[in-house]
Protein backbone atom coordinates (compact mmCIF):
# COMPACT_ATOMS: atom_id res chain seq x y z
CA UNK A 1 107.05 105.31 93.55
CA UNK A 2 109.97 106.63 91.51
CA UNK A 3 113.38 107.10 93.12
CA UNK A 4 114.92 110.55 92.93
CA UNK A 5 118.66 111.08 93.10
CA UNK A 6 119.93 113.86 95.33
CA UNK A 7 123.52 115.04 95.54
CA UNK A 8 125.19 114.94 98.96
CA UNK A 9 128.31 116.73 100.09
CA UNK A 10 131.10 114.96 101.99
CA UNK A 11 130.14 116.67 105.29
CA UNK A 12 126.53 115.54 104.84
CA UNK A 13 127.66 111.96 104.23
CA UNK A 14 129.87 112.13 107.33
CA UNK A 15 126.96 113.46 109.41
CA UNK A 16 124.69 110.67 108.19
CA UNK A 17 127.38 108.09 108.99
CA UNK A 18 127.81 109.59 112.46
CA UNK A 19 124.12 109.20 113.25
CA UNK A 20 124.21 105.58 112.07
CA UNK A 21 127.22 104.97 114.34
CA UNK A 22 125.42 106.50 117.33
CA UNK A 23 122.35 104.35 116.65
CA UNK A 24 124.43 101.21 116.28
CA UNK A 25 126.52 101.91 119.38
CA UNK A 26 123.38 102.60 121.40
CA UNK A 27 121.73 99.38 120.30
CA UNK A 28 124.97 97.48 120.90
CA UNK A 29 125.24 98.80 124.45
CA UNK A 30 121.63 97.91 125.15
CA UNK A 31 122.23 94.27 124.21
CA UNK A 32 125.78 93.83 125.55
CA UNK A 33 127.00 92.68 128.95
CA UNK A 34 130.28 94.66 129.24
CA UNK A 35 129.02 97.40 131.59
CA UNK A 36 126.83 97.01 134.63
CA UNK A 37 123.14 97.12 133.81
CA UNK A 38 122.47 100.73 134.87
CA UNK A 39 125.48 102.14 132.99
CA UNK A 40 124.71 100.09 129.91
CA UNK A 41 121.07 101.12 129.79
CA UNK A 42 121.84 104.81 130.37
CA UNK A 43 124.54 104.97 127.69
CA UNK A 44 122.56 102.85 125.27
CA UNK A 45 119.38 104.90 125.52
CA UNK A 46 121.28 108.19 125.22
CA UNK A 47 123.11 107.04 122.07
CA UNK A 48 119.93 105.61 120.61
CA UNK A 49 118.07 108.88 121.28
CA UNK A 50 120.88 110.97 119.80
CA UNK A 51 120.90 108.81 116.68
CA UNK A 52 117.13 109.02 116.22
CA UNK A 53 116.80 112.73 117.01
CA UNK A 54 119.64 113.78 114.72
CA UNK A 55 118.31 111.65 111.88
CA UNK A 56 115.09 113.65 111.59
CA UNK A 57 116.63 117.02 110.55
CA UNK A 58 119.13 115.26 108.27
CA UNK A 59 116.35 113.46 106.40
CA UNK A 60 114.37 116.69 106.12
CA UNK A 61 117.43 118.48 104.73
CA UNK A 62 118.18 115.78 102.17
CA UNK A 63 114.58 115.58 101.01
CA UNK A 64 114.43 119.38 100.65
CA UNK A 65 117.37 119.36 98.20
CA UNK A 66 116.55 119.61 94.53
CA UNK A 67 116.98 116.42 92.49
CA UNK A 68 120.44 115.84 91.01
CA UNK A 69 120.85 116.70 87.35
CA UNK A 70 120.98 113.67 85.10
CA UNK A 71 123.51 113.42 82.35
């Protein structure tokens, strides 16, 4: 399978980073002991779900972009 380069704008990169942060924070809350169990699980699952659900349209948008021009 050949790799295809696609150009990304700064806002797209920031959006991708934001979803990764939400995923990481959600997973971190699920495995941490700082909050009580109910609060931790609720916050962790919400952040994990937000990260996963926002990743899907971002990936579709990036894959729909035309390949970057090579020099």
